[in-house]
Amino acid sequence: MPPPPVTRLSPVESLRIDNDLVEGLYADLGREAADLVVCRALEDLANRMNRIEAEHRACAFDLVQKEARRIMAVAQQIGLTEIANAASAVRHCAQAGQTIATVATLARLRRLNDRAMTEIWAGRDAAP
């Protein structure tokens, strides 16, 4: 009997951005300064994603939790609520010692981070 067919799953994440927070940031700081804050935060998120994945590969789950908390803070600063939520899930899974759940939530965090980087940079390039 042949094995059952394999179904490939390709999750697509919705990216929610707190537009009120972002608009407030731009209103308070002005376009140039707010752009700088957003750019630095995105760079920080990219670096932290690399670190959290390295810490996970090294099975340093206490460091995974700490880095997830840092990712949450940075994401919240620029209105990336879905990334903050995913980082919170990673932290909780790592804290509970749920290795499979940690892998799954970390993969979700990566997908959301990649999507945010693409969408935000595309938006910046399209802005007047």
C-alpha atoms as a PDB file:
ATOM      1  CA  MET A   1       0.000   0.000   0.000  1.00  0.00           C
ATOM      2  CA  PRO A   2       1.521   3.402  -0.947  1.00  0.00           C
ATOM      3  CA  PRO A   3       2.067   5.951   1.804  1.00  0.00           C
ATOM      4  CA  PRO A   4      -0.541   8.692   2.101  1.00  0.00           C
ATOM      5  CA  PRO A   5       0.221  11.901   0.222  1.00  0.00           C
ATOM      6  CA  VAL A   6       2.097  14.571   2.092  1.00  0.00           C
ATOM      7  CA  THR A   7       0.416  17.933   2.404  1.00  0.00           C
ATOM      8  CA  ARG A   8       2.778  20.892   2.468  1.00  0.00           C
ATOM      9  CA  LEU A   9       1.594  23.656   4.738  1.00  0.00           C
ATOM     10  CA  SER A  10       2.496  27.222   3.877  1.00  0.00           C
ATOM     11  CA  PRO A  11       1.276  29.471   6.677  1.00  0.00           C
ATOM     12  CA  VAL A  12       0.611  33.083   5.871  1.00  0.00           C
ATOM     13  CA  GLU A  13       0.727  35.453   8.809  1.00  0.00           C
ATOM     14  CA  SER A  14      -1.359  38.570   9.113  1.00  0.00           C
ATOM     15  CA  LEU A  15       0.679  41.541  10.196  1.00  0.00           C
ATOM     16  CA  ARG A  16      -1.137  43.937  12.477  1.00  0.00           C
ATOM     17  CA  ILE A  17       0.368  47.334  13.063  1.00  0.00           C
ATOM     18  CA  ASP A  18      -0.898  49.729  15.721  1.00  0.00           C
ATOM     19  CA  ASN A  19      -1.453  52.657  13.381  1.00  0.00           C
ATOM     20  CA  ASP A  20      -2.454  54.982  16.226  1.00  0.00           C
ATOM     21  CA  LEU A  21       0.895  54.407  17.907  1.00  0.00           C
ATOM     22  CA  VAL A  22       2.804  54.894  14.652  1.00  0.00           C
ATOM     23  CA  GLU A  23       0.883  58.074  13.798  1.00  0.00           C
ATOM     24  CA  GLY A  24       1.539  59.384  17.320  1.00  0.00           C
ATOM     25  CA  LEU A  25       5.228  58.622  16.956  1.00  0.00           C
ATOM     26  CA  TYR A  26       5.380  60.604  13.716  1.00  0.00           C
ATOM     27  CA  ALA A  27       3.290  63.437  15.158  1.00  0.00           C
ATOM     28  CA  ASP A  28       5.495  63.701  18.257  1.00  0.00           C
ATOM     29  CA  LEU A  29       8.888  63.333  16.596  1.00  0.00           C
ATOM     30  CA  GLY A  30       8.362  64.538  13.053  1.00  0.00           C
ATOM     31  CA  ARG A  31       8.958  62.479   9.945  1.00  0.00           C
ATOM     32  CA  GLU A  32      12.758  62.469   9.931  1.00  0.00           C
ATOM     33  CA  ALA A  33      13.209  61.556  13.604  1.00  0.00           C
ATOM     34  CA  ALA A  34      10.387  58.995  13.533  1.00  0.00           C
ATOM     35  CA  ASP A  35      11.886  57.383  10.422  1.00  0.00           C
ATOM     36  CA  LEU A  36      15.176  57.114  12.293  1.00  0.00           C
ATOM     37  CA  VAL A  37      13.464  55.493  15.301  1.00  0.00           C
ATOM     38  CA  VAL A  38      11.664  53.002  13.053  1.00  0.00           C
ATOM     39  CA  CYS A  39      14.837  52.189  11.089  1.00  0.00           C
ATOM     40  CA  ARG A  40      16.826  51.601  14.262  1.00  0.00           C
ATOM     41  CA  ALA A  41      14.059  49.468  15.733  1.00  0.00           C
ATOM     42  CA  LEU A  42      13.873  47.338  12.578  1.00  0.00           C
ATOM     43  CA  GLU A  43      17.637  46.864  12.632  1.00  0.00           C
ATOM     44  CA  ASP A  44      17.434  45.916  16.308  1.00  0.00           C
ATOM     45  CA  LEU A  45      14.641  43.427  15.570  1.00  0.00           C
ATOM     46  CA  ALA A  46      16.684  41.827  12.784  1.00  0.00           C
ATOM     47  CA  ASN A  47      19.707  41.453  15.062  1.00  0.00           C
ATOM     48  CA  ARG A  48      17.599  40.092  17.919  1.00  0.00           C
ATOM     49  CA  MET A  49      15.949  37.557  15.604  1.00  0.00           C
ATOM     50  CA  ASN A  50      19.379  36.239  14.672  1.00  0.00           C
ATOM     51  CA  ARG A  51      20.355  36.066  18.353  1.00  0.00           C
ATOM     52  CA  ILE A  52      17.184  34.334  19.512  1.00  0.00           C
ATOM     53  CA  GLU A  53      17.548  31.707  16.791  1.00  0.00           C
ATOM     54  CA  ALA A  54      21.200  31.140  17.718  1.00  0.00           C
ATOM     55  CA  GLU A  55      20.265  30.838  21.391  1.00  0.00           C
ATOM     56  CA  HIS A  56      17.566  28.349  20.498  1.00  0.00           C
ATOM     57  CA  ARG A  57      20.003  26.259  18.434  1.00  0.00           C
ATOM     58  CA  ALA A  58      22.350  26.284  21.446  1.00  0.00           C
ATOM     59  CA  CYS A  59      19.447  25.124  23.673  1.00  0.00           C
ATOM     60  CA  ALA A  60      19.913  28.232  25.834  1.00  0.00           C
ATOM     61  CA  PHE A  61      16.215  28.500  26.657  1.00  0.00           C
ATOM     62  CA  ASP A  62      16.747  30.998  29.471  1.00  0.00           C
ATOM     63  CA  LEU A  63      18.398  33.319  26.932  1.00  0.00           C
ATOM     64  CA  VAL A  64      15.592  32.633  24.437  1.00  0.00           C
ATOM     65  CA  GLN A  65      13.136  33.913  27.047  1.00  0.00           C
ATOM     66  CA  LYS A  66      15.174  37.052  27.705  1.00  0.00           C
ATOM     67  CA  GLU A  67      15.623  37.818  24.018  1.00  0.00           C
ATOM     68  CA  ALA A  68      11.911  37.248  23.397  1.00  0.00           C
ATOM     69  CA  ARG A  69      11.128  39.861  26.074  1.00  0.00           C
ATOM     70  CA  ARG A  70      13.480  42.301  24.346  1.00  0.00           C
ATOM     71  CA  ILE A  71      11.849  41.634  20.970  1.00  0.00           C
ATOM     72  CA  MET A  72       8.449  42.288  22.539  1.00  0.00           C
ATOM     73  CA  ALA A  73       9.604  45.675  23.842  1.00  0.00           C
ATOM     74  CA  VAL A  74      11.115  46.793  20.535  1.00  0.00           C
ATOM     75  CA  ALA A  75       8.111  45.618  18.515  1.00  0.00           C
ATOM     76  CA  GLN A  76       5.688  47.420  20.829  1.00  0.00           C
ATOM     77  CA  GLN A  77       7.734  50.608  20.515  1.00  0.00           C
ATOM     78  CA  ILE A  78       6.977  50.847  16.791  1.00  0.00           C
ATOM     79  CA  GLY A  79       3.475  49.367  16.795  1.00  0.00           C
ATOM     80  CA  LEU A  80       4.247  45.828  15.606  1.00  0.00           C
ATOM     81  CA  THR A  81       1.710  44.210  17.914  1.00  0.00           C
ATOM     82  CA  GLU A  82       1.609  40.850  16.157  1.00  0.00           C
ATOM     83  CA  ILE A  83       5.384  40.472  16.475  1.00  0.00           C
ATOM     84  CA  ALA A  84       5.152  41.370  20.162  1.00  0.00           C
ATOM     85  CA  ASN A  85       2.421  38.738  20.604  1.00  0.00           C
ATOM     86  CA  ALA A  86       4.463  36.096  18.804  1.00  0.00           C
ATOM     87  CA  ALA A  87       7.545  36.919  20.900  1.00  0.00           C
ATOM     88  CA  SER A  88       5.404  36.564  24.021  1.00  0.00           C
ATOM     89  CA  ALA A  89       4.316  33.107  22.847  1.00  0.00           C
ATOM     90  CA  VAL A  90       7.948  32.125  22.241  1.00  0.00           C
ATOM     91  CA  ARG A  91       8.845  33.273  25.747  1.00  0.00           C
ATOM     92  CA  HIS A  92       6.012  31.337  27.354  1.00  0.00           C
ATOM     93  CA  CYS A  93       6.782  28.156  25.403  1.00  0.00           C
ATOM     94  CA  ALA A  94      10.498  28.335  26.236  1.00  0.00           C
ATOM     95  CA  GLN A  95       9.710  29.042  29.882  1.00  0.00           C
ATOM     96  CA  ALA A  96       7.402  26.008  30.028  1.00  0.00           C
ATOM     97  CA  GLY A  97      10.035  23.787  28.415  1.00  0.00           C
ATOM     98  CA  GLN A  98       7.775  23.013  25.462  1.00  0.00           C
ATOM     99  CA  THR A  99      10.420  22.398  22.824  1.00  0.00           C
ATOM    100  CA  ILE A 100       8.111  21.650  19.895  1.00  0.00           C
ATOM    101  CA  ALA A 101       5.871  24.606  20.695  1.00  0.00           C
ATOM    102  CA  THR A 102       8.953  26.816  20.999  1.00  0.00           C
ATOM    103  CA  VAL A 103      10.099  25.761  17.530  1.00  0.00           C
ATOM    104  CA  ALA A 104       6.650  26.456  16.083  1.00  0.00           C
ATOM    105  CA  THR A 105       6.254  29.855  17.720  1.00  0.00           C
ATOM    106  CA  LEU A 106       9.812  30.833  16.829  1.00  0.00           C
ATOM    107  CA  ALA A 107       9.079  29.979  13.181  1.00  0.00           C
ATOM    108  CA  ARG A 108       5.960  32.152  13.366  1.00  0.00           C
ATOM    109  CA  LEU A 109       7.989  34.980  14.881  1.00  0.00           C
ATOM    110  CA  ARG A 110      10.492  34.704  12.010  1.00  0.00           C
ATOM    111  CA  ARG A 111       7.736  34.795   9.381  1.00  0.00           C
ATOM    112  CA  LEU A 112       6.151  37.858  10.982  1.00  0.00           C
ATOM    113  CA  ASN A 113       9.501  39.603  11.323  1.00  0.00           C
ATOM    114  CA  ASP A 114      10.371  38.927   7.692  1.00  0.00           C
ATOM    115  CA  ARG A 115       6.981  40.177   6.561  1.00  0.00           C
ATOM    116  CA  ALA A 116       7.272  43.333   8.669  1.00  0.00           C
ATOM    117  CA  MET A 117      10.702  44.087   7.237  1.00  0.00           C
ATOM    118  CA  THR A 118       9.399  43.669   3.693  1.00  0.00           C
ATOM    119  CA  GLU A 119       6.199  45.667   4.174  1.00  0.00           C
ATOM    120  CA  ILE A 120       7.710  48.524   6.146  1.00  0.00           C
ATOM    121  CA  TRP A 121      10.653  48.965   3.777  1.00  0.00           C
ATOM    122  CA  ALA A 122       8.325  48.762   0.774  1.00  0.00           C
ATOM    123  CA  GLY A 123       6.133  51.422   2.386  1.00  0.00           C
ATOM    124  CA  ARG A 124       9.142  53.663   3.008  1.00  0.00           C
ATOM    125  CA  ASP A 125      10.263  53.303  -0.611  1.00  0.00           C
ATOM    126  CA  ALA A 126       6.771  54.217  -1.851  1.00  0.00           C
ATOM    127  CA  ALA A 127       6.410  57.226   0.486  1.00  0.00           C
ATOM    128  CA  PRO A 128       6.821  60.689  -1.071  1.00  0.00           C
END
